[in-house]
Amino acid sequence: PITKSKWKHEKNKNLMLACWILCTNSGLAVLELDYCVSGTVRKRMSKSWVLFLSHGIFRVCEGSIRMCLYVWFTVALRVANWDFWFVPFSVDVGATIFLVAVLSGACTFGLQ
C-alpha cells in the first residue's frame, strides 16, 4: 500500500461502489455519443438488442480499463516523484481529440 492509513469511506467500500458507478456511467455516455454521432453505428445498434448490448458492454469495458490505467499510471508516477505524472493522460486526451477530429464520421467498414 502507498499509505498506511485509510479514509473512513474506504473501510465500508463506498469508494469502490463510486468507482463502479463512475466506470459504468462513462461507458454508457460513450455509448450514447456513438449512437448520436454515427449513423452507421445507430443503424447497427437499432437492428437488434444483442448488437446494442454487445456494443454497450464493449464501451463500458473500454472506459473502465482506460480509467484504471490512468489511475495506475498517476499513482505509480507520483509515488516515484516523477514531475510529469500527468503526461500519459495528456497524451491520450490529445491523441483522442486528434483522431476524433480527423476520423469522425468515417464508419465505412461495411456495417450498413
PDB file of N, CA and C in Angstrom:
ATOM      1  N   PRO A   1       0.822  -1.194   0.000  1.00  0.00           N
ATOM      2  CA  PRO A   1       0.000   0.000   0.000  1.00  0.00           C
ATOM      3  C   PRO A   1       0.866   1.258   0.000  1.00  0.00           C
ATOM      4  N   ILE A   2       0.316   2.293  -0.582  1.00  0.00           N
ATOM      5  CA  ILE A   2       1.045   3.555  -0.647  1.00  0.00           C
ATOM      6  C   ILE A   2       1.012   4.253   0.704  1.00  0.00           C
ATOM      7  N   THR A   3      -0.129   4.232   1.346  1.00  0.00           N
ATOM      8  CA  THR A   3      -0.254   4.829   2.674  1.00  0.00           C
ATOM      9  C   THR A   3      -0.704   3.766   3.662  1.00  0.00           C
ATOM     10  N   LYS A   4      -0.373   3.981   4.914  1.00  0.00           N
ATOM     11  CA  LYS A   4      -0.750   3.011   5.934  1.00  0.00           C
ATOM     12  C   LYS A   4      -2.136   3.295   6.510  1.00  0.00           C
ATOM     13  N   SER A   5      -2.595   4.519   6.411  1.00  0.00           N
ATOM     14  CA  SER A   5      -3.910   4.852   6.949  1.00  0.00           C
ATOM     15  C   SER A   5      -4.952   4.803   5.845  1.00  0.00           C
ATOM     16  N   LYS A   6      -6.200   4.588   6.240  1.00  0.00           N
ATOM     17  CA  LYS A   6      -7.311   4.544   5.290  1.00  0.00           C
ATOM     18  C   LYS A   6      -8.317   5.615   5.649  1.00  0.00           C
ATOM     19  N   TRP A   7      -8.988   6.120   4.615  1.00  0.00           N
ATOM     20  CA  TRP A   7     -10.092   7.025   4.864  1.00  0.00           C
ATOM     21  C   TRP A   7     -11.258   6.219   5.417  1.00  0.00           C
ATOM     22  N   LYS A   8     -12.154   6.881   6.130  1.00  0.00           N
ATOM     23  CA  LYS A   8     -13.286   6.160   6.696  1.00  0.00           C
ATOM     24  C   LYS A   8     -14.178   5.589   5.595  1.00  0.00           C
ATOM     25  N   HIS A   9     -14.192   6.211   4.401  1.00  0.00           N
ATOM     26  CA  HIS A   9     -15.027   5.710   3.300  1.00  0.00           C
ATOM     27  C   HIS A   9     -14.445   4.449   2.669  1.00  0.00           C
ATOM     28  N   GLU A  10     -13.141   4.242   2.798  1.00  0.00           N
ATOM     29  CA  GLU A  10     -12.537   3.044   2.230  1.00  0.00           C
ATOM     30  C   GLU A  10     -12.895   1.799   3.032  1.00  0.00           C
ATOM     31  N   LYS A  11     -13.131   1.959   4.297  1.00  0.00           N
ATOM     32  CA  LYS A  11     -13.411   0.812   5.149  1.00  0.00           C
ATOM     33  C   LYS A  11     -14.757   0.179   4.838  1.00  0.00           C
ATOM     34  N   ASN A  12     -15.749   0.957   4.433  1.00  0.00           N
ATOM     35  CA  ASN A  12     -17.067   0.377   4.152  1.00  0.00           C
ATOM     36  C   ASN A  12     -17.356   0.294   2.650  1.00  0.00           C
ATOM     37  N   LYS A  13     -16.362   0.386   1.828  1.00  0.00           N
ATOM     38  CA  LYS A  13     -16.436   0.125   0.381  1.00  0.00           C
ATOM     39  C   LYS A  13     -17.256   1.155  -0.401  1.00  0.00           C
ATOM     40  N   ASN A  14     -17.525   2.325   0.164  1.00  0.00           N
ATOM     41  CA  ASN A  14     -18.244   3.351  -0.589  1.00  0.00           C
ATOM     42  C   ASN A  14     -17.432   3.846  -1.782  1.00  0.00           C
ATOM     43  N   LEU A  15     -16.118   3.929  -1.593  1.00  0.00           N
ATOM     44  CA  LEU A  15     -15.258   4.399  -2.664  1.00  0.00           C
ATOM     45  C   LEU A  15     -15.265   3.414  -3.835  1.00  0.00           C
ATOM     46  N   MET A  16     -15.275   2.125  -3.539  1.00  0.00           N
ATOM     47  CA  MET A  16     -15.312   1.111  -4.598  1.00  0.00           C
ATOM     48  C   MET A  16     -16.640   1.166  -5.357  1.00  0.00           C
ATOM     49  N   LEU A  17     -17.728   1.340  -4.651  1.00  0.00           N
ATOM     50  CA  LEU A  17     -19.031   1.467  -5.289  1.00  0.00           C
ATOM     51  C   LEU A  17     -19.073   2.700  -6.189  1.00  0.00           C
ATOM     52  N   ALA A  18     -18.533   3.808  -5.719  1.00  0.00           N
ATOM     53  CA  ALA A  18     -18.485   5.026  -6.531  1.00  0.00           C
ATOM     54  C   ALA A  18     -17.644   4.810  -7.783  1.00  0.00           C
ATOM     55  N   CYS A  19     -16.573   4.055  -7.673  1.00  0.00           N
ATOM     56  CA  CYS A  19     -15.722   3.756  -8.832  1.00  0.00           C
ATOM     57  C   CYS A  19     -16.494   2.950  -9.873  1.00  0.00           C
ATOM     58  N   TRP A  20     -17.224   1.940  -9.455  1.00  0.00           N
ATOM     59  CA  TRP A  20     -18.012   1.129 -10.393  1.00  0.00           C
ATOM     60  C   TRP A  20     -19.105   1.965 -11.054  1.00  0.00           C
ATOM     61  N   ILE A  21     -19.740   2.830 -10.293  1.00  0.00           N
ATOM     62  CA  ILE A  21     -20.769   3.700 -10.872  1.00  0.00           C
ATOM     63  C   ILE A  21     -20.152   4.641 -11.898  1.00  0.00           C
ATOM     64  N   LEU A  22     -18.995   5.211 -11.578  1.00  0.00           N
ATOM     65  CA  LEU A  22     -18.322   6.119 -12.491  1.00  0.00           C
ATOM     66  C   LEU A  22     -17.918   5.413 -13.790  1.00  0.00           C
ATOM     67  N   CYS A  23     -17.353   4.212 -13.681  1.00  0.00           N
ATOM     68  CA  CYS A  23     -16.939   3.465 -14.876  1.00  0.00           C
ATOM     69  C   CYS A  23     -18.138   3.111 -15.750  1.00  0.00           C
ATOM     70  N   THR A  24     -19.210   2.645 -15.150  1.00  0.00           N
ATOM     71  CA  THR A  24     -20.407   2.291 -15.908  1.00  0.00           C
ATOM     72  C   THR A  24     -21.021   3.523 -16.558  1.00  0.00           C
ATOM     73  N   ASN A  25     -21.069   4.611 -15.825  1.00  0.00           N
ATOM     74  CA  ASN A  25     -21.642   5.842 -16.349  1.00  0.00           C
ATOM     75  C   ASN A  25     -20.840   6.373 -17.530  1.00  0.00           C
ATOM     76  N   SER A  26     -19.518   6.325 -17.452  1.00  0.00           N
ATOM     77  CA  SER A  26     -18.706   6.824 -18.571  1.00  0.00           C
ATOM     78  C   SER A  26     -18.872   5.940 -19.799  1.00  0.00           C
ATOM     79  N   GLY A  27     -18.965   4.637 -19.613  1.00  0.00           N
ATOM     80  CA  GLY A  27     -19.182   3.741 -20.745  1.00  0.00           C
ATOM     81  C   GLY A  27     -20.529   3.969 -21.405  1.00  0.00           C
ATOM     82  N   LEU A  28     -21.572   4.181 -20.599  1.00  0.00           N
ATOM     83  CA  LEU A  28     -22.889   4.448 -21.164  1.00  0.00           C
ATOM     84  C   LEU A  28     -22.947   5.806 -21.855  1.00  0.00           C
ATOM     85  N   ALA A  29     -22.179   6.770 -21.356  1.00  0.00           N
ATOM     86  CA  ALA A  29     -22.120   8.078 -22.016  1.00  0.00           C
ATOM     87  C   ALA A  29     -21.471   7.972 -23.392  1.00  0.00           C
ATOM     88  N   VAL A  30     -20.410   7.178 -23.499  1.00  0.00           N
ATOM     89  CA  VAL A  30     -19.763   6.987 -24.802  1.00  0.00           C
ATOM     90  C   VAL A  30     -20.676   6.195 -25.731  1.00  0.00           C
ATOM     91  N   LEU A  31     -21.442   5.268 -25.200  1.00  0.00           N
ATOM     92  CA  LEU A  31     -22.420   4.530 -25.998  1.00  0.00           C
ATOM     93  C   LEU A  31     -23.459   5.491 -26.585  1.00  0.00           C
ATOM     94  N   GLU A  32     -23.951   6.394 -25.779  1.00  0.00           N
ATOM     95  CA  GLU A  32     -24.914   7.386 -26.255  1.00  0.00           C
ATOM     96  C   GLU A  32     -24.282   8.297 -27.301  1.00  0.00           C
ATOM     97  N   LEU A  33     -23.039   8.672 -27.075  1.00  0.00           N
ATOM     98  CA  LEU A  33     -22.325   9.503 -28.046  1.00  0.00           C
ATOM     99  C   LEU A  33     -22.171   8.771 -29.377  1.00  0.00           C
ATOM    100  N   ASP A  34     -21.822   7.494 -29.339  1.00  0.00           N
ATOM    101  CA  ASP A  34     -21.732   6.690 -30.565  1.00  0.00           C
ATOM    102  C   ASP A  34     -23.060   6.679 -31.302  1.00  0.00           C
ATOM    103  N   TYR A  35     -24.127   6.489 -30.562  1.00  0.00           N
ATOM    104  CA  TYR A  35     -25.460   6.406 -31.158  1.00  0.00           C
ATOM    105  C   TYR A  35     -25.865   7.723 -31.816  1.00  0.00           C
ATOM    106  N   CYS A  36     -25.529   8.833 -31.177  1.00  0.00           N
ATOM    107  CA  CYS A  36     -25.931  10.145 -31.702  1.00  0.00           C
ATOM    108  C   CYS A  36     -25.048  10.634 -32.842  1.00  0.00           C
ATOM    109  N   VAL A  37     -23.778  10.293 -32.841  1.00  0.00           N
ATOM    110  CA  VAL A  37     -22.838  10.854 -33.806  1.00  0.00           C
ATOM    111  C   VAL A  37     -22.767  10.049 -35.097  1.00  0.00           C
ATOM    112  N   SER A  38     -22.769   8.733 -35.002  1.00  0.00           N
ATOM    113  CA  SER A  38     -22.536   7.904 -36.184  1.00  0.00           C
ATOM    114  C   SER A  38     -23.825   7.238 -36.660  1.00  0.00           C
ATOM    115  N   GLY A  39     -24.209   7.546 -37.892  1.00  0.00           N
ATOM    116  CA  GLY A  39     -25.393   6.923 -38.478  1.00  0.00           C
ATOM    117  C   GLY A  39     -25.217   5.426 -38.688  1.00  0.00           C
ATOM    118  N   THR A  40     -23.998   5.028 -39.035  1.00  0.00           N
ATOM    119  CA  THR A  40     -23.724   3.604 -39.252  1.00  0.00           C
ATOM    120  C   THR A  40     -23.864   2.816 -37.959  1.00  0.00           C
ATOM    121  N   VAL A  41     -23.302   3.344 -36.893  1.00  0.00           N
ATOM    122  CA  VAL A  41     -23.407   2.668 -35.599  1.00  0.00           C
ATOM    123  C   VAL A  41     -24.854   2.665 -35.132  1.00  0.00           C
ATOM    124  N   ARG A  42     -25.587   3.749 -35.379  1.00  0.00           N
ATOM    125  CA  ARG A  42     -27.001   3.817 -34.999  1.00  0.00           C
ATOM    126  C   ARG A  42     -27.804   2.738 -35.709  1.00  0.00           C
ATOM    127  N   LYS A  43     -27.572   2.563 -37.011  1.00  0.00           N
ATOM    128  CA  LYS A  43     -28.286   1.518 -37.760  1.00  0.00           C
ATOM    129  C   LYS A  43     -27.957   0.137 -37.223  1.00  0.00           C
ATOM    130  N   ARG A  44     -26.684  -0.072 -36.944  1.00  0.00           N
ATOM    131  CA  ARG A  44     -26.257  -1.389 -36.452  1.00  0.00           C
ATOM    132  C   ARG A  44     -26.876  -1.681 -35.083  1.00  0.00           C
ATOM    133  N   MET A  45     -26.859  -0.696 -34.187  1.00  0.00           N
ATOM    134  CA  MET A  45     -27.395  -0.929 -32.845  1.00  0.00           C
ATOM    135  C   MET A  45     -28.914  -1.023 -32.855  1.00  0.00           C
ATOM    136  N   SER A  46     -29.570  -0.429 -33.847  1.00  0.00           N
ATOM    137  CA  SER A  46     -31.026  -0.489 -33.930  1.00  0.00           C
ATOM    138  C   SER A  46     -31.535  -1.815 -34.495  1.00  0.00           C
ATOM    139  N   LYS A  47     -30.654  -2.614 -35.083  1.00  0.00           N
ATOM    140  CA  LYS A  47     -31.067  -3.886 -35.676  1.00  0.00           C
ATOM    141  C   LYS A  47     -31.497  -4.904 -34.626  1.00  0.00           C
ATOM    142  N   SER A  48     -30.749  -4.987 -33.537  1.00  0.00           N
ATOM    143  CA  SER A  48     -31.115  -5.984 -32.528  1.00  0.00           C
ATOM    144  C   SER A  48     -30.572  -5.569 -31.162  1.00  0.00           C
ATOM    145  N   TRP A  49     -31.182  -6.122 -30.123  1.00  0.00           N
ATOM    146  CA  TRP A  49     -30.738  -5.853 -28.760  1.00  0.00           C
ATOM    147  C   TRP A  49     -29.386  -6.481 -28.483  1.00  0.00           C
ATOM    148  N   VAL A  50     -29.075  -7.580 -29.157  1.00  0.00           N
ATOM    149  CA  VAL A  50     -27.786  -8.244 -28.939  1.00  0.00           C
ATOM    150  C   VAL A  50     -26.641  -7.338 -29.388  1.00  0.00           C
ATOM    151  N   LEU A  51     -26.790  -6.725 -30.562  1.00  0.00           N
ATOM    152  CA  LEU A  51     -25.759  -5.805 -31.044  1.00  0.00           C
ATOM    153  C   LEU A  51     -25.666  -4.572 -30.150  1.00  0.00           C
ATOM    154  N   PHE A  52     -26.801  -4.061 -29.699  1.00  0.00           N
ATOM    155  CA  PHE A  52     -26.818  -2.904 -28.808  1.00  0.00           C
ATOM    156  C   PHE A  52     -26.129  -3.241 -27.485  1.00  0.00           C
ATOM    157  N   LEU A  53     -26.473  -4.389 -26.922  1.00  0.00           N
ATOM    158  CA  LEU A  53     -25.895  -4.808 -25.652  1.00  0.00           C
ATOM    159  C   LEU A  53     -24.404  -5.093 -25.772  1.00  0.00           C
ATOM    160  N   SER A  54     -23.987  -5.742 -26.857  1.00  0.00           N
ATOM    161  CA  SER A  54     -22.565  -6.039 -27.031  1.00  0.00           C
ATOM    162  C   SER A  54     -21.751  -4.760 -27.196  1.00  0.00           C
ATOM    163  N   HIS A  55     -22.293  -3.789 -27.919  1.00  0.00           N
ATOM    164  CA  HIS A  55     -21.597  -2.517 -28.071  1.00  0.00           C
ATOM    165  C   HIS A  55     -21.541  -1.778 -26.730  1.00  0.00           C
ATOM    166  N   GLY A  56     -22.612  -1.849 -25.956  1.00  0.00           N
ATOM    167  CA  GLY A  56     -22.619  -1.225 -24.638  1.00  0.00           C
ATOM    168  C   GLY A  56     -21.605  -1.851 -23.693  1.00  0.00           C
ATOM    169  N   ILE A  57     -21.532  -3.175 -23.687  1.00  0.00           N
ATOM    170  CA  ILE A  57     -20.559  -3.867 -22.842  1.00  0.00           C
ATOM    171  C   ILE A  57     -19.138  -3.506 -23.268  1.00  0.00           C
ATOM    172  N   PHE A  58     -18.905  -3.441 -24.588  1.00  0.00           N
ATOM    173  CA  PHE A  58     -17.600  -3.049 -25.094  1.00  0.00           C
ATOM    174  C   PHE A  58     -17.224  -1.655 -24.601  1.00  0.00           C
ATOM    175  N   ARG A  59     -18.147  -0.702 -24.684  1.00  0.00           N
ATOM    176  CA  ARG A  59     -17.846   0.680 -24.283  1.00  0.00           C
ATOM    177  C   ARG A  59     -17.623   0.793 -22.776  1.00  0.00           C
ATOM    178  N   VAL A  60     -18.393   0.077 -21.974  1.00  0.00           N
ATOM    179  CA  VAL A  60     -18.202   0.118 -20.525  1.00  0.00           C
ATOM    180  C   VAL A  60     -16.844  -0.478 -20.161  1.00  0.00           C
ATOM    181  N   CYS A  61     -16.488  -1.598 -20.784  1.00  0.00           N
ATOM    182  CA  CYS A  61     -15.185  -2.214 -20.512  1.00  0.00           C
ATOM    183  C   CYS A  61     -14.044  -1.309 -20.970  1.00  0.00           C
ATOM    184  N   GLU A  62     -14.190  -0.704 -22.129  1.00  0.00           N
ATOM    185  CA  GLU A  62     -13.148   0.197 -22.634  1.00  0.00           C
ATOM    186  C   GLU A  62     -12.946   1.382 -21.694  1.00  0.00           C
ATOM    187  N   GLY A  63     -14.034   1.999 -21.275  1.00  0.00           N
ATOM    188  CA  GLY A  63     -13.917   3.130 -20.356  1.00  0.00           C
ATOM    189  C   GLY A  63     -13.319   2.740 -19.018  1.00  0.00           C
ATOM    190  N   SER A  64     -13.708   1.585 -18.503  1.00  0.00           N
ATOM    191  CA  SER A  64     -13.190   1.124 -17.213  1.00  0.00           C
ATOM    192  C   SER A  64     -11.695   0.841 -17.286  1.00  0.00           C
ATOM    193  N   ILE A  65     -11.268   0.181 -18.340  1.00  0.00           N
ATOM    194  CA  ILE A  65      -9.849  -0.140 -18.476  1.00  0.00           C
ATOM    195  C   ILE A  65      -9.020   1.127 -18.624  1.00  0.00           C
ATOM    196  N   ARG A  66      -9.500   2.078 -19.412  1.00  0.00           N
ATOM    197  CA  ARG A  66      -8.753   3.321 -19.589  1.00  0.00           C
ATOM    198  C   ARG A  66      -8.648   4.087 -18.274  1.00  0.00           C
ATOM    199  N   MET A  67      -9.739   4.154 -17.514  1.00  0.00           N
ATOM    200  CA  MET A  67      -9.668   4.857 -16.238  1.00  0.00           C
ATOM    201  C   MET A  67      -8.731   4.161 -15.253  1.00  0.00           C
ATOM    202  N   CYS A  68      -8.770   2.831 -15.227  1.00  0.00           N
ATOM    203  CA  CYS A  68      -7.868   2.100 -14.334  1.00  0.00           C
ATOM    204  C   CYS A  68      -6.409   2.341 -14.704  1.00  0.00           C
ATOM    205  N   LEU A  69      -6.120   2.381 -15.991  1.00  0.00           N
ATOM    206  CA  LEU A  69      -4.750   2.670 -16.420  1.00  0.00           C
ATOM    207  C   LEU A  69      -4.330   4.087 -16.035  1.00  0.00           C
ATOM    208  N   TYR A  70      -5.241   5.062 -16.187  1.00  0.00           N
ATOM    209  CA  TYR A  70      -4.916   6.435 -15.781  1.00  0.00           C
ATOM    210  C   TYR A  70      -4.580   6.492 -14.296  1.00  0.00           C
ATOM    211  N   VAL A  71      -5.416   5.876 -13.494  1.00  0.00           N
ATOM    212  CA  VAL A  71      -5.190   5.904 -12.052  1.00  0.00           C
ATOM    213  C   VAL A  71      -3.888   5.204 -11.709  1.00  0.00           C
ATOM    214  N   TRP A  72      -3.637   4.054 -12.315  1.00  0.00           N
ATOM    215  CA  TRP A  72      -2.413   3.310 -12.024  1.00  0.00           C
ATOM    216  C   TRP A  72      -1.173   4.111 -12.410  1.00  0.00           C
ATOM    217  N   PHE A  73      -1.164   4.678 -13.615  1.00  0.00           N
ATOM    218  CA  PHE A  73      -0.017   5.474 -14.039  1.00  0.00           C
ATOM    219  C   PHE A  73       0.172   6.695 -13.141  1.00  0.00           C
ATOM    220  N   THR A  74      -0.915   7.358 -12.810  1.00  0.00           N
ATOM    221  CA  THR A  74      -0.805   8.554 -11.984  1.00  0.00           C
ATOM    222  C   THR A  74      -0.241   8.221 -10.608  1.00  0.00           C
ATOM    223  N   VAL A  75      -0.762   7.179  -9.984  1.00  0.00           N
ATOM    224  CA  VAL A  75      -0.284   6.790  -8.657  1.00  0.00           C
ATOM    225  C   VAL A  75       1.163   6.316  -8.727  1.00  0.00           C
ATOM    226  N   ALA A  76       1.485   5.459  -9.700  1.00  0.00           N
ATOM    227  CA  ALA A  76       2.848   4.928  -9.806  1.00  0.00           C
ATOM    228  C   ALA A  76       3.864   6.030 -10.083  1.00  0.00           C
ATOM    229  N   LEU A  77       3.522   6.957 -10.944  1.00  0.00           N
ATOM    230  CA  LEU A  77       4.472   8.011 -11.288  1.00  0.00           C
ATOM    231  C   LEU A  77       4.587   9.066 -10.194  1.00  0.00           C
ATOM    232  N   ARG A  78       3.503   9.325  -9.481  1.00  0.00           N
ATOM    233  CA  ARG A  78       3.594  10.289  -8.373  1.00  0.00           C
ATOM    234  C   ARG A  78       4.362   9.713  -7.206  1.00  0.00           C
ATOM    235  N   VAL A  79       4.204   8.408  -6.973  1.00  0.00           N
ATOM    236  CA  VAL A  79       4.952   7.773  -5.888  1.00  0.00           C
ATOM    237  C   VAL A  79       6.442   7.790  -6.212  1.00  0.00           C
ATOM    238  N   ALA A  80       6.771   7.653  -7.503  1.00  0.00           N
ATOM    239  CA  ALA A  80       8.178   7.687  -7.923  1.00  0.00           C
ATOM    240  C   ALA A  80       8.718   9.113  -8.003  1.00  0.00           C
ATOM    241  N   ASN A  81       7.916  10.102  -7.606  1.00  0.00           N
ATOM    242  CA  ASN A  81       8.288  11.510  -7.621  1.00  0.00           C
ATOM    243  C   ASN A  81       8.683  12.005  -9.004  1.00  0.00           C
ATOM    244  N   TRP A  82       7.996  11.505 -10.014  1.00  0.00           N
ATOM    245  CA  TRP A  82       8.233  11.969 -11.378  1.00  0.00           C
ATOM    246  C   TRP A  82       7.427  13.239 -11.562  1.00  0.00           C
ATOM    247  N   ASP A  83       8.091  14.303 -11.979  1.00  0.00           N
ATOM    248  CA  ASP A  83       7.428  15.605 -12.068  1.00  0.00           C
ATOM    249  C   ASP A  83       6.376  15.670 -13.161  1.00  0.00           C
ATOM    250  N   PHE A  84       6.416  14.792 -14.137  1.00  0.00           N
ATOM    251  CA  PHE A  84       5.489  14.835 -15.264  1.00  0.00           C
ATOM    252  C   PHE A  84       4.493  13.680 -15.207  1.00  0.00           C
ATOM    253  N   TRP A  85       3.905  13.453 -14.036  1.00  0.00           N
ATOM    254  CA  TRP A  85       2.971  12.338 -13.845  1.00  0.00           C
ATOM    255  C   TRP A  85       1.705  12.501 -14.657  1.00  0.00           C
ATOM    256  N   PHE A  86       1.402  13.694 -15.133  1.00  0.00           N
ATOM    257  CA  PHE A  86       0.188  13.958 -15.898  1.00  0.00           C
ATOM    258  C   PHE A  86       0.368  13.696 -17.392  1.00  0.00           C
ATOM    259  N   VAL A  87       1.553  13.364 -17.859  1.00  0.00           N
ATOM    260  CA  VAL A  87       1.835  13.209 -19.292  1.00  0.00           C
ATOM    261  C   VAL A  87       1.027  12.074 -19.940  1.00  0.00           C
ATOM    262  N   PRO A  88       0.944  10.857 -19.366  1.00  0.00           N
ATOM    263  CA  PRO A  88       0.164   9.805 -20.046  1.00  0.00           C
ATOM    264  C   PRO A  88      -1.280  10.215 -20.310  1.00  0.00           C
ATOM    265  N   PHE A  89      -1.918  10.828 -19.343  1.00  0.00           N
ATOM    266  CA  PHE A  89      -3.302  11.273 -19.523  1.00  0.00           C
ATOM    267  C   PHE A  89      -3.384  12.364 -20.592  1.00  0.00           C
ATOM    268  N   SER A  90      -2.480  13.312 -20.557  1.00  0.00           N
ATOM    269  CA  SER A  90      -2.492  14.409 -21.521  1.00  0.00           C
ATOM    270  C   SER A  90      -2.263  13.918 -22.940  1.00  0.00           C
ATOM    271  N   VAL A  91      -1.343  12.987 -23.119  1.00  0.00           N
ATOM    272  CA  VAL A  91      -1.077  12.430 -24.449  1.00  0.00           C
ATOM    273  C   VAL A  91      -2.301  11.683 -24.965  1.00  0.00           C
ATOM    274  N   ASP A  92      -2.950  10.914 -24.099  1.00  0.00           N
ATOM    275  CA  ASP A  92      -4.125  10.164 -24.524  1.00  0.00           C
ATOM    276  C   ASP A  92      -5.279  11.094 -24.898  1.00  0.00           C
ATOM    277  N   VAL A  93      -5.513  12.117 -24.105  1.00  0.00           N
ATOM    278  CA  VAL A  93      -6.586  13.063 -24.421  1.00  0.00           C
ATOM    279  C   VAL A  93      -6.278  13.782 -25.732  1.00  0.00           C
ATOM    280  N   GLY A  94      -5.044  14.205 -25.910  1.00  0.00           N
ATOM    281  CA  GLY A  94      -4.662  14.875 -27.152  1.00  0.00           C
ATOM    282  C   GLY A  94      -4.810  13.976 -28.362  1.00  0.00           C
ATOM    283  N   ALA A  95      -4.367  12.719 -28.245  1.00  0.00           N
ATOM    284  CA  ALA A  95      -4.489  11.775 -29.364  1.00  0.00           C
ATOM    285  C   ALA A  95      -5.954  11.470 -29.665  1.00  0.00           C
ATOM    286  N   THR A  96      -6.777  11.343 -28.642  1.00  0.00           N
ATOM    287  CA  THR A  96      -8.199  11.073 -28.854  1.00  0.00           C
ATOM    288  C   THR A  96      -8.880  12.237 -29.561  1.00  0.00           C
ATOM    289  N   ILE A  97      -8.617  13.436 -29.121  1.00  0.00           N
ATOM    290  CA  ILE A  97      -9.221  14.603 -29.762  1.00  0.00           C
ATOM    291  C   ILE A  97      -8.762  14.712 -31.210  1.00  0.00           C
ATOM    292  N   PHE A  98      -7.489  14.445 -31.465  1.00  0.00           N
ATOM    293  CA  PHE A  98      -6.973  14.491 -32.829  1.00  0.00           C
ATOM    294  C   PHE A  98      -7.653  13.450 -33.715  1.00  0.00           C
ATOM    295  N   LEU A  99      -7.755  12.214 -33.223  1.00  0.00           N
ATOM    296  CA  LEU A  99      -8.377  11.146 -34.011  1.00  0.00           C
ATOM    297  C   LEU A  99      -9.855  11.408 -34.261  1.00  0.00           C
ATOM    298  N   VAL A 100     -10.544  11.926 -33.275  1.00  0.00           N
ATOM    299  CA  VAL A 100     -11.964  12.238 -33.470  1.00  0.00           C
ATOM    300  C   VAL A 100     -12.115  13.356 -34.492  1.00  0.00           C
ATOM    301  N   ALA A 101     -11.243  14.362 -34.432  1.00  0.00           N
ATOM    302  CA  ALA A 101     -11.324  15.473 -35.381  1.00  0.00           C
ATOM    303  C   ALA A 101     -11.009  15.016 -36.804  1.00  0.00           C
ATOM    304  N   VAL A 102     -10.054  14.093 -36.955  1.00  0.00           N
ATOM    305  CA  VAL A 102      -9.648  13.648 -38.291  1.00  0.00           C
ATOM    306  C   VAL A 102     -10.579  12.572 -38.832  1.00  0.00           C
ATOM    307  N   LEU A 103     -10.966  11.623 -37.997  1.00  0.00           N
ATOM    308  CA  LEU A 103     -11.698  10.447 -38.474  1.00  0.00           C
ATOM    309  C   LEU A 103     -13.183  10.446 -38.138  1.00  0.00           C
ATOM    310  N   SER A 104     -13.712  11.514 -37.609  1.00  0.00           N
ATOM    311  CA  SER A 104     -15.124  11.486 -37.218  1.00  0.00           C
ATOM    312  C   SER A 104     -16.007  11.296 -38.447  1.00  0.00           C
ATOM    313  N   GLY A 105     -16.970  10.412 -38.312  1.00  0.00           N
ATOM    314  CA  GLY A 105     -17.882  10.114 -39.401  1.00  0.00           C
ATOM    315  C   GLY A 105     -17.324   9.142 -40.424  1.00  0.00           C
ATOM    316  N   ALA A 106     -16.194   8.506 -40.138  1.00  0.00           N
ATOM    317  CA  ALA A 106     -15.560   7.615 -41.094  1.00  0.00           C
ATOM    318  C   ALA A 106     -15.924   6.148 -40.843  1.00  0.00           C
ATOM    319  N   CYS A 107     -17.168   5.878 -40.453  1.00  0.00           N
ATOM    320  CA  CYS A 107     -17.609   4.493 -40.215  1.00  0.00           C
ATOM    321  C   CYS A 107     -18.016   3.874 -41.548  1.00  0.00           C
ATOM    322  N   THR A 108     -17.069   3.443 -42.318  1.00  0.00           N
ATOM    323  CA  THR A 108     -17.342   2.906 -43.657  1.00  0.00           C
ATOM    324  C   THR A 108     -16.813   1.488 -43.774  1.00  0.00           C
ATOM    325  N   PHE A 109     -16.949   0.697 -42.741  1.00  0.00           N
ATOM    326  CA  PHE A 109     -16.403  -0.649 -42.783  1.00  0.00           C
ATOM    327  C   PHE A 109     -17.471  -1.716 -42.911  1.00  0.00           C
ATOM    328  N   GLY A 110     -18.518  -1.440 -43.652  1.00  0.00           N
ATOM    329  CA  GLY A 110     -19.498  -2.455 -44.045  1.00  0.00           C
ATOM    330  C   GLY A 110     -20.503  -2.858 -42.993  1.00  0.00           C
ATOM    331  N   LEU A 111     -20.918  -1.974 -42.146  1.00  0.00           N
ATOM    332  CA  LEU A 111     -21.892  -2.335 -41.121  1.00  0.00           C
ATOM    333  C   LEU A 111     -23.313  -1.897 -41.490  1.00  0.00           C
ATOM    334  N   GLN A 112     -23.555  -1.479 -42.711  1.00  0.00           N
ATOM    335  CA  GLN A 112     -24.878  -0.992 -43.103  1.00  0.00           C
ATOM    336  C   GLN A 112     -25.905  -2.079 -43.077  1.00  0.00           C
TER     337      GLN A 112
END
